[in-house]
């Protein structure tokens, strides 16, 4: 009975302990950061150095990357969702929608 109890406790510990990140998760994380930083910088009309990484969450089907974008002396928080289900990472959404400096100037006139 004691062996059964210890065996069941060991099995429960293995089943309920959160999984360790795999090499694929790390690669997808790094690639998602690069992909999103480049796209956010292009849409915002700023250099990549102005797009600062805030945090990253790797999920089974997506990577969520949060950035702080400094533009015209103001901070804007931007979230980039990257789809991991296909063979190649693709950007699913960037929120909020970014408006380039040239588009903002044209809209004000």
N, C-alpha and C. Protein backbone atom coordinates (compact mmCIF):
# COMPACT_ATOMS: atom_id res chain seq x y z
N UNK A 1 0.82 -1.19 0.00
CA UNK A 1 0.00 0.00 0.00
C UNK A 1 0.87 1.26 0.00
N UNK A 2 1.95 1.21 0.78
CA UNK A 2 2.84 2.37 0.84
C UNK A 2 3.50 2.61 -0.52
N UNK A 3 3.88 1.53 -1.21
CA UNK A 3 4.49 1.67 -2.54
C UNK A 3 3.50 2.27 -3.54
N UNK A 4 2.26 1.82 -3.45
CA UNK A 4 1.23 2.36 -4.33
C UNK A 4 1.04 3.86 -4.10
N UNK A 5 1.03 4.26 -2.84
CA UNK A 5 0.86 5.67 -2.50
C UNK A 5 2.00 6.51 -3.06
N UNK A 6 3.25 6.05 -2.86
CA UNK A 6 4.40 6.80 -3.36
C UNK A 6 4.43 6.82 -4.89
N UNK A 7 4.04 5.71 -5.49
CA UNK A 7 4.01 5.66 -6.95
C UNK A 7 2.96 6.62 -7.51
N UNK A 8 1.80 6.65 -6.90
CA UNK A 8 0.75 7.55 -7.38
C UNK A 8 1.13 9.01 -7.16
N UNK A 9 1.82 9.31 -6.07
CA UNK A 9 2.27 10.69 -5.83
C UNK A 9 3.33 11.10 -6.86
N UNK A 10 4.23 10.19 -7.19
CA UNK A 10 5.26 10.49 -8.20
C UNK A 10 4.62 10.70 -9.56
N UNK A 11 3.65 9.87 -9.91
CA UNK A 11 2.95 10.01 -11.18
C UNK A 11 2.19 11.34 -11.24
N UNK A 12 1.53 11.69 -10.15
CA UNK A 12 0.80 12.96 -10.11
C UNK A 12 1.74 14.15 -10.27
N UNK A 13 2.91 14.06 -9.65
CA UNK A 13 3.88 15.16 -9.77
C UNK A 13 4.35 15.32 -11.20
N UNK A 14 4.57 14.22 -11.89
CA UNK A 14 5.02 14.28 -13.28
C UNK A 14 3.92 14.83 -14.19
N UNK A 15 2.69 14.44 -13.95
CA UNK A 15 1.58 14.87 -14.80
C UNK A 15 1.17 16.32 -14.59
N UNK A 16 1.29 16.82 -13.37
CA UNK A 16 0.79 18.15 -13.07
C UNK A 16 1.86 19.24 -13.04
N UNK A 17 3.12 18.88 -13.20
CA UNK A 17 4.18 19.89 -13.25
C UNK A 17 4.15 20.51 -14.64
N UNK A 18 4.20 21.84 -14.72
CA UNK A 18 4.18 22.49 -16.04
C UNK A 18 5.35 22.04 -16.90
N UNK A 19 5.10 21.95 -18.19
CA UNK A 19 6.12 21.49 -19.11
C UNK A 19 7.27 22.47 -19.25
N UNK A 20 8.42 21.95 -19.52
CA UNK A 20 9.60 22.76 -19.74
C UNK A 20 9.61 23.20 -21.20
N UNK A 21 10.04 24.43 -21.43
CA UNK A 21 10.08 24.96 -22.80
C UNK A 21 11.00 24.12 -23.67
N UNK A 22 10.54 23.79 -24.84
CA UNK A 22 11.36 23.00 -25.76
C UNK A 22 12.19 23.93 -26.64
N UNK A 23 13.11 23.35 -27.38
CA UNK A 23 13.95 24.14 -28.28
C UNK A 23 13.10 24.84 -29.34
N UNK A 24 12.02 24.19 -29.78
CA UNK A 24 11.12 24.80 -30.76
C UNK A 24 10.45 26.05 -30.20
N UNK A 25 10.10 26.02 -28.91
CA UNK A 25 9.50 27.19 -28.27
C UNK A 25 10.47 28.36 -28.26
N UNK A 26 11.72 28.09 -27.93
CA UNK A 26 12.73 29.15 -27.87
C UNK A 26 12.99 29.74 -29.25
N UNK A 27 13.06 28.89 -30.25
CA UNK A 27 13.28 29.36 -31.62
C UNK A 27 12.10 30.20 -32.09
N UNK A 28 10.88 29.71 -31.85
CA UNK A 28 9.69 30.46 -32.23
C UNK A 28 9.62 31.80 -31.49
N UNK A 29 10.00 31.80 -30.22
CA UNK A 29 10.00 33.02 -29.42
C UNK A 29 10.93 34.06 -30.05
N UNK A 30 12.15 33.65 -30.33
CA UNK A 30 13.14 34.56 -30.90
C UNK A 30 12.71 35.06 -32.28
N UNK A 31 12.23 34.14 -33.11
CA UNK A 31 11.79 34.53 -34.46
C UNK A 31 10.57 35.46 -34.41
N UNK A 32 9.66 35.21 -33.47
CA UNK A 32 8.47 36.06 -33.34
C UNK A 32 8.87 37.48 -32.91
N UNK A 33 9.84 37.59 -32.02
CA UNK A 33 10.30 38.92 -31.60
C UNK A 33 10.88 39.67 -32.78
N UNK A 34 11.73 39.01 -33.56
CA UNK A 34 12.34 39.66 -34.73
C UNK A 34 11.29 40.08 -35.75
N UNK A 35 10.37 39.16 -36.06
CA UNK A 35 9.33 39.43 -37.04
C UNK A 35 8.45 40.60 -36.61
N UNK A 36 8.00 40.57 -35.37
CA UNK A 36 7.12 41.62 -34.87
C UNK A 36 7.84 42.96 -34.75
N UNK A 37 9.06 42.95 -34.25
CA UNK A 37 9.79 44.22 -34.10
C UNK A 37 9.94 44.91 -35.46
N UNK A 38 10.30 44.14 -36.47
CA UNK A 38 10.48 44.71 -37.81
C UNK A 38 9.16 45.27 -38.35
N UNK A 39 8.07 44.53 -38.18
CA UNK A 39 6.77 44.97 -38.70
C UNK A 39 6.24 46.18 -37.94
N UNK A 40 6.36 46.15 -36.62
CA UNK A 40 5.89 47.28 -35.81
C UNK A 40 6.69 48.54 -36.14
N UNK A 41 8.00 48.41 -36.28
CA UNK A 41 8.84 49.56 -36.63
C UNK A 41 8.45 50.11 -38.00
N UNK A 42 8.21 49.22 -38.96
CA UNK A 42 7.82 49.66 -40.30
C UNK A 42 6.47 50.38 -40.28
N UNK A 43 5.50 49.82 -39.57
CA UNK A 43 4.17 50.44 -39.52
C UNK A 43 4.18 51.77 -38.76
N UNK A 44 5.01 51.86 -37.72
CA UNK A 44 5.05 53.08 -36.91
C UNK A 44 5.94 54.14 -37.54
N UNK A 45 6.76 53.75 -38.50
CA UNK A 45 7.67 54.70 -39.13
C UNK A 45 8.83 55.10 -38.25
N UNK A 46 9.28 54.17 -37.40
CA UNK A 46 10.41 54.43 -36.50
C UNK A 46 11.49 53.38 -36.73
N UNK A 47 12.67 53.63 -36.17
CA UNK A 47 13.74 52.64 -36.25
C UNK A 47 13.47 51.52 -35.26
N UNK A 48 14.08 50.37 -35.51
CA UNK A 48 13.86 49.20 -34.65
C UNK A 48 14.28 49.46 -33.21
N UNK A 49 15.25 50.34 -32.99
CA UNK A 49 15.71 50.65 -31.63
C UNK A 49 14.63 51.36 -30.80
N UNK A 50 13.67 51.99 -31.47
CA UNK A 50 12.58 52.67 -30.77
C UNK A 50 11.49 51.70 -30.33
N UNK A 51 11.58 50.45 -30.78
CA UNK A 51 10.61 49.41 -30.43
C UNK A 51 11.25 48.51 -29.39
N UNK A 52 10.87 48.70 -28.13
CA UNK A 52 11.49 47.98 -27.02
C UNK A 52 10.62 46.81 -26.58
N UNK A 53 11.26 45.66 -26.39
CA UNK A 53 10.55 44.47 -25.94
C UNK A 53 10.08 44.65 -24.51
N UNK A 54 8.81 44.35 -24.27
CA UNK A 54 8.25 44.41 -22.92
C UNK A 54 8.15 43.01 -22.34
N UNK A 55 7.39 42.13 -23.01
CA UNK A 55 7.28 40.75 -22.56
C UNK A 55 6.83 39.84 -23.70
N UNK A 56 7.08 38.54 -23.50
CA UNK A 56 6.73 37.52 -24.50
C UNK A 56 6.05 36.37 -23.79
N UNK A 57 4.98 35.87 -24.40
CA UNK A 57 4.31 34.67 -23.89
C UNK A 57 4.21 33.66 -25.03
N UNK A 58 4.73 32.47 -24.79
CA UNK A 58 4.68 31.41 -25.80
C UNK A 58 3.56 30.46 -25.42
N UNK A 59 2.65 30.28 -26.33
CA UNK A 59 1.51 29.37 -26.15
C UNK A 59 1.62 28.27 -27.20
N UNK A 60 0.86 27.20 -27.06
CA UNK A 60 0.97 26.12 -28.05
C UNK A 60 0.66 26.55 -29.48
N UNK A 61 -0.26 27.47 -29.68
CA UNK A 61 -0.64 27.88 -31.05
C UNK A 61 -0.22 29.29 -31.42
N UNK A 62 0.29 30.04 -30.45
CA UNK A 62 0.62 31.45 -30.73
C UNK A 62 1.74 31.94 -29.82
N UNK A 63 2.36 33.00 -30.28
CA UNK A 63 3.33 33.74 -29.46
C UNK A 63 2.80 35.16 -29.35
N UNK A 64 2.70 35.66 -28.14
CA UNK A 64 2.22 37.03 -27.91
C UNK A 64 3.43 37.86 -27.49
N UNK A 65 3.70 38.92 -28.26
CA UNK A 65 4.86 39.78 -28.00
C UNK A 65 4.35 41.19 -27.72
N UNK A 66 4.73 41.72 -26.56
CA UNK A 66 4.35 43.08 -26.19
C UNK A 66 5.57 44.00 -26.30
N UNK A 67 5.36 45.15 -26.93
CA UNK A 67 6.43 46.13 -27.13
C UNK A 67 6.02 47.47 -26.54
N UNK A 68 7.03 48.27 -26.20
CA UNK A 68 6.87 49.68 -25.89
C UNK A 68 7.45 50.44 -27.07
N UNK A 69 6.63 51.26 -27.72
CA UNK A 69 7.08 52.02 -28.88
C UNK A 69 7.17 53.49 -28.48
N UNK A 70 8.37 54.05 -28.62
CA UNK A 70 8.58 55.47 -28.36
C UNK A 70 8.54 56.22 -29.68
N UNK A 71 7.60 57.15 -29.78
CA UNK A 71 7.44 57.92 -31.01
C UNK A 71 7.00 59.34 -30.65
N UNK A 72 7.74 60.31 -31.15
CA UNK A 72 7.44 61.72 -30.89
C UNK A 72 7.39 62.02 -29.39
N UNK A 73 8.26 61.36 -28.62
CA UNK A 73 8.32 61.59 -27.18
C UNK A 73 7.20 60.96 -26.39
N UNK A 74 6.40 60.13 -27.03
CA UNK A 74 5.28 59.47 -26.33
C UNK A 74 5.43 57.96 -26.39
N UNK A 75 4.98 57.31 -25.34
CA UNK A 75 5.04 55.85 -25.24
C UNK A 75 3.72 55.25 -25.68
N UNK A 76 3.80 54.20 -26.48
CA UNK A 76 2.60 53.46 -26.90
C UNK A 76 2.87 51.98 -26.69
N UNK A 77 1.96 51.29 -26.05
CA UNK A 77 2.07 49.85 -25.86
C UNK A 77 1.45 49.15 -27.06
N UNK A 78 2.19 48.21 -27.63
CA UNK A 78 1.73 47.50 -28.82
C UNK A 78 1.84 46.00 -28.57
N UNK A 79 0.82 45.26 -28.96
CA UNK A 79 0.81 43.81 -28.84
C UNK A 79 0.80 43.20 -30.23
N UNK A 80 1.67 42.21 -30.44
CA UNK A 80 1.76 41.50 -31.72
C UNK A 80 1.49 40.02 -31.46
N UNK A 81 0.49 39.49 -32.12
CA UNK A 81 0.14 38.07 -32.00
C UNK A 81 0.69 37.34 -33.22
N UNK A 82 1.45 36.27 -32.98
CA UNK A 82 2.06 35.50 -34.06
C UNK A 82 1.50 34.09 -34.03
N UNK A 83 1.03 33.63 -35.18
CA UNK A 83 0.46 32.29 -35.33
C UNK A 83 1.58 31.27 -35.50
N UNK A 84 1.56 30.19 -34.68
CA UNK A 84 2.58 29.14 -34.74
C UNK A 84 2.08 27.87 -35.42
N UNK A 85 0.84 27.82 -35.86
CA UNK A 85 0.27 26.56 -36.35
C UNK A 85 0.79 26.16 -37.72
N UNK A 86 1.20 27.10 -38.54
CA UNK A 86 1.73 26.79 -39.87
C UNK A 86 3.21 26.47 -39.78
N UNK A 87 3.78 26.05 -40.89
CA UNK A 87 5.21 25.72 -40.92
C UNK A 87 6.06 26.97 -40.67
N UNK A 88 5.55 28.12 -41.09
CA UNK A 88 6.28 29.38 -40.93
C UNK A 88 5.47 30.32 -40.05
N UNK A 89 6.14 31.06 -39.18
CA UNK A 89 5.45 32.01 -38.32
C UNK A 89 4.84 33.14 -39.14
N UNK A 90 3.61 33.51 -38.80
CA UNK A 90 2.95 34.63 -39.48
C UNK A 90 2.30 35.53 -38.44
N UNK A 91 2.29 36.81 -38.72
CA UNK A 91 1.66 37.76 -37.81
C UNK A 91 0.15 37.66 -37.98
N UNK A 92 -0.55 37.39 -36.88
CA UNK A 92 -2.00 37.28 -36.91
C UNK A 92 -2.65 38.64 -36.66
N UNK A 93 -2.07 39.44 -35.75
CA UNK A 93 -2.66 40.75 -35.44
C UNK A 93 -1.64 41.63 -34.74
N UNK A 94 -1.77 42.92 -34.97
CA UNK A 94 -1.02 43.93 -34.23
C UNK A 94 -2.04 44.91 -33.68
N UNK A 95 -2.05 45.09 -32.36
CA UNK A 95 -3.00 46.01 -31.73
C UNK A 95 -2.27 46.95 -30.80
N UNK A 96 -2.63 48.18 -30.71
CA UNK A 96 -3.59 48.86 -31.57
C UNK A 96 -3.04 49.07 -32.96
N UNK A 97 -3.91 49.41 -33.89
CA UNK A 97 -3.47 49.68 -35.26
C UNK A 97 -2.55 50.89 -35.23
N UNK A 98 -1.40 50.75 -35.88
CA UNK A 98 -0.41 51.82 -35.89
C UNK A 98 -0.61 52.73 -37.09
N UNK A 99 -0.40 53.99 -36.88
CA UNK A 99 -0.51 54.97 -37.95
C UNK A 99 0.86 55.61 -38.12
N UNK A 100 1.39 55.56 -39.32
CA UNK A 100 2.71 56.13 -39.57
C UNK A 100 2.67 57.65 -39.44
N UNK A 101 3.83 58.22 -39.23
CA UNK A 101 3.92 59.68 -39.07
C UNK A 101 3.42 60.40 -40.32
N UNK A 102 3.73 59.87 -41.51
CA UNK A 102 3.29 60.52 -42.75
C UNK A 102 1.77 60.43 -42.91
N UNK A 103 1.17 59.32 -42.50
CA UNK A 103 -0.29 59.18 -42.59
C UNK A 103 -0.98 60.10 -41.59
N UNK A 104 -0.37 60.27 -40.42
CA UNK A 104 -0.96 61.16 -39.41
C UNK A 104 -0.93 62.61 -39.88
N UNK A 105 0.15 63.00 -40.55
CA UNK A 105 0.27 64.36 -41.07
C UNK A 105 -0.74 64.59 -42.18
N UNK A 106 -0.90 63.62 -43.07
CA UNK A 106 -1.85 63.74 -44.18
C UNK A 106 -3.28 63.81 -43.67
N UNK A 107 -3.58 63.04 -42.61
CA UNK A 107 -4.93 63.03 -42.06
C UNK A 107 -5.28 64.33 -41.35
N UNK A 108 -4.26 65.04 -40.84
CA UNK A 108 -4.51 66.28 -40.11
C UNK A 108 -4.80 67.44 -41.04
N UNK A 109 -4.44 67.32 -42.31
CA UNK A 109 -4.62 68.43 -43.25
C UNK A 109 -5.98 68.44 -43.86
